[in-house]
Amino acid sequence: MNIKMSVMKKEKYEGYIDTSGDFSNASLKRAEFFLKHKILFRNIITGILIAWCIFSILFSLFFIGKYFIFDYERDRLNSIQMVNVGVSKAVIQRNQPQQIGVGQGQVFQSSKDKYDFGVEISNPNEAWIASVDYHVVYSGGQTENKNEIFLPGEKRYLVEFGISSSGENRPTGLELKIDNVSWNRVDAHDFPNPIDYIAQRKSFSLENINFEAFGGNDIFIGKLLSFDLINNTLFGYKEARFVIVLRNYGNVVGFMPLYISDFSALSTQNIKFSLFNNNLSVDEVEVQPVLNVFDDNIYMSL
């Protein structure tokens, strides 16, 4: 008996007809090609990315190294040359801070075995704040290092109070030693006119100044200095610090420190000092505020 077997032929997808019309034979061929070569495509893209990363890193390292080894010094010299050639030295000189002025030191005995030393300091710059590190040396030793701020255009006495010296060790040759001066430029965007800004916040005046001896039975124990200190500004200060300069016929004859807590705007403080120096004569009193008005922390809250 002969048995005939029929083998069904494998139909090609080219004969597939999509009745919906959404998936053509061409799309099917592209999908087949992508699936057969998907791993190859992934390896090619990965290789390209790795090669690009290696090239970028080597390229960056090469030029960074080249800059620091060869080009950095050339750029520095070019910058110096540009300043020296392209910018007027007069402009540079005009815009850099001028050195502070230092006056002649003065010494006064404030009480028994105690002396005060003062020297007038001036900051001639209109837009620079000077931070001065200093100490005072004298025949018997020296004071500790301190720091004082001088605002633009400010001129006042830098005073060291209560230098101790007794008997034959009375201090002589007192001299102010400035260890360092650092500068901070006032930002013109925030403070277009620093001098006016300072003047509006450091306006203080004196009234009812009285200087008289006190004691009893024709024995004068000392002298009493009293005055009213007026805050003419619209700003209150948590702690206002002042140097009181005493003069007689225009000459400075002494200094006094003054601290006032919670000095409100447009208020008046009655101040009294007892001075135990019967030889002291005063006909003029000057108040010099020591306030960094650019520091917001000094102001009382509204």
Protein backbone atom coordinates (compact mmCIF):
# COMPACT_ATOMS: atom_id res chain seq x y z
CA MET A 1 0.00 0.00 0.00
CA ASN A 2 1.46 3.29 -0.99
CA ILE A 3 0.98 6.14 1.38
CA LYS A 4 1.50 9.64 0.07
CA MET A 5 2.26 12.36 2.56
CA SER A 6 1.75 15.95 1.68
CA VAL A 7 4.01 18.55 3.31
CA MET A 8 2.55 21.95 3.87
CA LYS A 9 4.76 24.55 2.37
CA LYS A 10 6.00 27.37 4.67
CA GLU A 11 4.37 30.48 3.55
CA LYS A 12 6.43 33.64 3.35
CA TYR A 13 5.34 36.74 5.25
CA GLU A 14 5.39 38.62 1.96
CA GLY A 15 2.10 37.01 1.28
CA TYR A 16 0.60 38.34 4.48
CA ILE A 17 -2.16 40.76 3.89
CA ASP A 18 -3.15 43.02 6.78
CA THR A 19 -6.84 43.51 6.48
CA SER A 20 -6.76 46.47 8.90
CA GLY A 21 -4.26 48.42 6.81
CA ASP A 22 -2.20 49.45 9.89
CA PHE A 23 0.76 47.07 9.53
CA SER A 24 2.30 46.66 6.07
CA ASN A 25 4.74 44.08 4.81
CA ALA A 26 7.47 46.74 4.71
CA SER A 27 6.98 47.48 8.38
CA LEU A 28 7.16 43.80 9.16
CA LYS A 29 10.45 43.49 7.27
CA ARG A 30 11.98 46.43 9.17
CA ALA A 31 10.85 44.92 12.47
CA GLU A 32 12.42 41.59 11.57
CA PHE A 33 15.70 43.29 10.61
CA PHE A 34 15.81 45.26 13.87
CA LEU A 35 15.14 42.20 16.03
CA LYS A 36 17.84 40.19 14.29
CA HIS A 37 20.43 42.97 14.70
CA LYS A 38 19.30 44.51 18.02
CA ILE A 39 22.33 43.32 20.01
CA LEU A 40 24.66 44.52 17.27
CA PHE A 41 23.06 47.96 17.27
CA ARG A 42 23.33 48.17 21.07
CA ASN A 43 27.01 47.22 20.98
CA ILE A 44 27.72 49.79 18.26
CA ILE A 45 26.00 52.63 20.19
CA THR A 46 27.70 51.60 23.46
CA GLY A 47 31.07 51.55 21.74
CA ILE A 48 30.50 54.97 20.22
CA LEU A 49 29.54 56.43 23.65
CA ILE A 50 32.53 54.86 25.40
CA ALA A 51 34.86 56.13 22.68
CA TRP A 52 33.36 59.64 22.95
CA CYS A 53 33.75 59.68 26.74
CA ILE A 54 37.37 58.54 26.54
CA PHE A 55 38.11 61.09 23.83
CA SER A 56 36.43 63.91 25.83
CA ILE A 57 38.32 63.06 29.02
CA LEU A 58 41.68 62.81 27.27
CA PHE A 59 40.97 66.01 25.32
CA SER A 60 40.08 67.90 28.54
CA LEU A 61 43.07 66.56 30.48
CA PHE A 62 45.40 67.47 27.65
CA PHE A 63 44.27 71.10 27.43
CA ILE A 64 43.98 71.55 31.21
CA GLY A 65 47.54 70.30 31.58
CA LYS A 66 48.68 72.44 28.69
CA TYR A 67 47.11 75.53 30.29
CA PHE A 68 48.70 75.06 33.69
CA ILE A 69 52.09 74.06 32.27
CA PHE A 70 52.41 76.55 29.43
CA ASP A 71 49.55 79.08 29.23
CA TYR A 72 48.86 80.10 32.87
CA GLU A 73 52.02 82.14 33.27
CA ARG A 74 51.47 83.74 29.87
CA ASP A 75 47.93 84.76 30.83
CA ARG A 76 49.19 86.24 34.09
CA LEU A 77 51.83 88.27 32.28
CA ASN A 78 49.25 89.38 29.71
CA SER A 79 46.92 90.59 32.48
CA ILE A 80 49.71 92.59 34.07
CA GLN A 81 50.65 94.00 30.68
CA MET A 82 47.04 94.98 29.95
CA VAL A 83 46.84 96.89 33.23
CA ASN A 84 50.18 98.58 32.72
CA VAL A 85 49.48 99.51 29.11
CA GLY A 86 45.71 99.74 28.76
CA VAL A 87 44.78 101.42 32.06
CA SER A 88 46.04 104.82 33.08
CA LYS A 89 48.18 104.77 36.21
CA ALA A 90 46.42 107.96 37.24
CA VAL A 91 43.09 106.10 37.19
CA ILE A 92 44.54 103.28 39.30
CA GLN A 93 45.97 105.78 41.77
CA ARG A 94 42.69 107.67 41.95
CA ASN A 95 40.61 104.59 42.71
CA GLN A 96 42.83 102.90 45.28
CA PRO A 97 42.45 103.91 48.96
CA GLN A 98 44.68 106.67 50.26
CA GLN A 99 46.56 105.95 53.47
CA ILE A 100 45.09 107.08 56.77
CA GLY A 101 46.46 110.20 58.42
CA VAL A 102 48.03 109.91 61.87
CA GLY A 103 48.40 112.97 64.11
CA GLN A 104 50.62 113.70 67.07
CA GLY A 105 50.01 111.62 70.18
CA GLN A 106 48.85 113.36 73.40
CA VAL A 107 49.05 112.07 76.99
CA PHE A 108 46.91 113.21 79.94
CA GLN A 109 46.73 112.03 83.52
CA SER A 110 43.14 110.97 84.19
CA SER A 111 43.52 109.93 87.83
CA LYS A 112 46.18 108.75 90.23
CA ASP A 113 48.60 106.47 88.39
CA LYS A 114 46.30 106.39 85.34
CA TYR A 115 46.93 108.03 81.98
CA ASP A 116 45.00 108.47 78.75
CA PHE A 117 46.63 108.50 75.34
CA GLY A 118 44.99 109.93 72.21
CA VAL A 119 46.01 110.43 68.60
CA GLU A 120 43.87 111.91 65.84
CA ILE A 121 43.25 109.55 62.92
CA SER A 122 41.72 110.62 59.61
CA ASN A 123 40.38 108.50 56.76
CA PRO A 124 40.53 110.71 53.64
CA ASN A 125 38.69 108.22 51.42
CA GLU A 126 35.05 108.79 50.50
CA ALA A 127 34.22 105.16 49.66
CA TRP A 128 36.64 103.05 51.71
CA ILE A 129 36.29 101.77 55.29
CA ALA A 130 39.59 101.38 57.14
CA SER A 131 40.05 98.60 59.70
CA VAL A 132 43.07 99.48 61.84
CA ASP A 133 44.96 96.99 64.02
CA TYR A 134 47.11 98.81 66.56
CA HIS A 135 48.77 98.88 69.96
CA VAL A 136 50.42 101.57 72.06
CA VAL A 137 54.01 101.34 73.28
CA TYR A 138 55.52 103.44 76.05
CA SER A 139 58.51 103.46 78.36
CA GLY A 140 56.89 101.04 80.83
CA GLY A 141 55.49 98.52 78.36
CA GLN A 142 52.75 98.29 75.76
CA THR A 143 49.00 97.79 75.50
CA GLU A 144 47.26 94.76 74.04
CA ASN A 145 46.48 94.63 70.33
CA LYS A 146 43.14 96.18 69.37
CA ASN A 147 41.11 97.00 66.29
CA GLU A 148 39.23 100.18 65.35
CA ILE A 149 37.03 101.01 62.37
CA PHE A 150 37.25 104.38 60.61
CA LEU A 151 34.44 105.20 58.21
CA PRO A 152 34.84 107.12 54.93
CA GLY A 153 35.75 110.75 55.56
CA GLU A 154 35.94 110.21 59.33
CA LYS A 155 38.36 112.17 61.48
CA ARG A 156 38.42 111.50 65.21
CA TYR A 157 40.65 110.62 68.13
CA LEU A 158 41.78 107.06 68.70
CA VAL A 159 42.02 106.92 72.48
CA GLU A 160 43.54 104.42 74.87
CA PHE A 161 42.16 104.94 78.38
CA GLY A 162 43.62 104.03 81.77
CA ILE A 163 47.24 103.19 80.98
CA SER A 164 48.66 102.28 84.39
CA SER A 165 51.89 103.79 85.62
CA SER A 166 52.94 104.84 89.10
CA GLY A 167 55.74 106.71 90.78
CA GLU A 168 58.86 107.06 88.73
CA ASN A 169 57.39 104.80 86.05
CA ARG A 170 55.24 107.59 84.63
CA PRO A 171 54.77 106.66 80.97
CA THR A 172 56.90 108.59 78.52
CA GLY A 173 57.36 108.32 74.81
CA LEU A 174 53.88 106.97 74.17
CA GLU A 175 53.55 106.01 70.52
CA LEU A 176 50.77 104.50 68.45
CA LYS A 177 51.97 101.46 66.49
CA ILE A 178 49.76 100.53 63.55
CA ASP A 179 50.17 96.81 62.88
CA ASN A 180 47.92 96.58 59.85
CA VAL A 181 45.31 98.52 57.87
CA SER A 182 42.79 96.61 55.78
CA TRP A 183 40.30 98.25 53.43
CA ASN A 184 36.70 97.49 52.53
CA ARG A 185 35.09 99.40 49.69
CA VAL A 186 31.53 100.60 50.23
CA ASP A 187 29.21 99.15 47.58
CA ALA A 188 28.12 102.06 45.39
CA HIS A 189 24.93 100.21 44.44
CA ASP A 190 23.80 100.04 48.08
CA PHE A 191 25.30 103.36 49.20
CA PRO A 192 25.66 105.81 46.27
CA ASN A 193 26.72 108.63 48.62
CA PRO A 194 28.47 107.18 51.69
CA ILE A 195 29.34 110.57 53.21
CA ASP A 196 25.69 111.70 53.30
CA TYR A 197 24.63 108.29 54.59
CA ILE A 198 27.08 108.58 57.49
CA ALA A 199 26.16 112.19 58.25
CA GLN A 200 22.46 111.29 58.55
CA ARG A 201 23.27 108.65 61.17
CA LYS A 202 25.99 110.41 63.19
CA SER A 203 24.31 113.71 63.97
CA PHE A 204 24.70 114.46 67.69
CA SER A 205 24.88 117.79 69.49
CA LEU A 206 25.57 119.15 72.98
CA GLU A 207 23.56 121.65 74.99
CA ASN A 208 23.64 123.08 78.53
CA ILE A 209 27.34 122.45 79.01
CA ASN A 210 28.41 123.18 82.60
CA PHE A 211 31.85 122.81 84.17
CA GLU A 212 32.20 123.68 87.85
CA ALA A 213 34.13 122.73 90.99
CA PHE A 214 32.45 120.77 93.78
CA GLY A 215 33.37 120.24 97.41
CA GLY A 216 32.73 122.03 100.66
CA ASN A 217 34.20 124.38 103.27
CA ASP A 218 36.40 126.01 100.67
CA ILE A 219 37.93 122.63 99.88
CA PHE A 220 37.52 121.66 96.25
CA ILE A 221 37.38 117.90 95.81
CA GLY A 222 37.07 117.92 92.04
CA LYS A 223 35.12 119.29 89.15
CA LEU A 224 31.79 118.31 87.64
CA LEU A 225 31.19 118.30 83.89
CA SER A 226 27.58 118.05 82.79
CA PHE A 227 25.80 118.45 79.46
CA ASP A 228 22.83 117.27 77.43
CA LEU A 229 23.67 114.97 74.54
CA ILE A 230 21.01 115.04 71.80
CA ASN A 231 20.48 112.34 69.19
CA ASN A 232 19.40 114.37 66.16
CA THR A 233 19.02 111.33 63.94
CA LEU A 234 15.98 109.23 63.09
CA PHE A 235 17.81 106.13 64.28
CA GLY A 236 18.04 104.54 67.71
CA TYR A 237 21.20 102.75 68.84
CA LYS A 238 21.42 99.71 71.08
CA GLU A 239 24.71 100.93 72.50
CA ALA A 240 26.17 104.21 71.36
CA ARG A 241 29.87 104.74 72.01
CA PHE A 242 31.49 108.19 72.09
CA VAL A 243 34.81 109.85 72.81
CA ILE A 244 34.40 113.14 74.65
CA VAL A 245 37.17 115.59 73.80
CA LEU A 246 37.84 118.32 76.39
CA ARG A 247 39.42 121.57 75.24
CA ASN A 248 40.59 124.80 76.79
CA TYR A 249 41.30 127.79 74.53
CA GLY A 250 41.24 125.39 71.57
CA ASN A 251 43.81 122.99 72.98
CA VAL A 252 42.93 119.42 73.88
CA VAL A 253 43.26 118.91 77.65
CA GLY A 254 41.65 115.50 78.14
CA PHE A 255 39.46 112.68 76.92
CA MET A 256 36.46 110.88 78.41
CA PRO A 257 34.78 107.63 77.30
CA LEU A 258 30.99 107.55 77.06
CA TYR A 259 28.63 104.62 76.50
CA ILE A 260 24.85 105.01 76.23
CA SER A 261 22.53 102.02 76.01
CA ASP A 262 19.26 102.26 74.08
CA PHE A 263 19.87 105.76 72.77
CA SER A 264 16.53 106.38 71.04
CA ALA A 265 16.02 108.55 67.98
CA LEU A 266 15.50 112.29 68.65
CA SER A 267 16.07 111.76 72.38
CA THR A 268 18.23 113.61 74.91
CA GLN A 269 20.56 112.17 77.54
CA ASN A 270 21.78 114.17 80.51
CA ILE A 271 25.44 113.31 81.11
CA LYS A 272 27.57 114.02 84.21
CA PHE A 273 31.26 113.36 84.77
CA SER A 274 33.18 113.81 88.03
CA LEU A 275 36.75 114.87 87.30
CA PHE A 276 39.24 114.71 90.17
CA ASN A 277 41.78 117.04 88.65
CA ASN A 278 41.53 120.48 90.19
CA ASN A 279 44.02 121.90 87.71
CA LEU A 280 41.81 121.05 84.74
CA SER A 281 40.03 123.89 82.99
CA VAL A 282 37.53 123.24 80.21
CA ASP A 283 35.75 125.79 78.05
CA GLU A 284 34.75 123.53 75.12
CA VAL A 285 33.42 120.00 74.85
CA GLU A 286 33.27 117.95 71.65
CA VAL A 287 31.48 114.64 71.18
CA GLN A 288 32.90 112.18 68.65
CA PRO A 289 30.64 109.18 67.93
CA VAL A 290 32.36 105.83 67.41
CA LEU A 291 29.70 104.03 65.40
CA ASN A 292 29.94 101.76 62.38
CA VAL A 293 26.70 102.89 60.78
CA PHE A 294 27.05 100.26 58.02
CA ASP A 295 26.54 97.51 60.62
CA ASP A 296 22.80 96.81 60.89
CA ASN A 297 23.26 95.16 64.30
CA ILE A 298 23.86 98.48 66.09
CA TYR A 299 20.36 99.83 65.46
CA MET A 300 17.36 99.50 67.74
CA SER A 301 14.36 97.77 66.21
CA LEU A 302 11.50 100.01 65.16
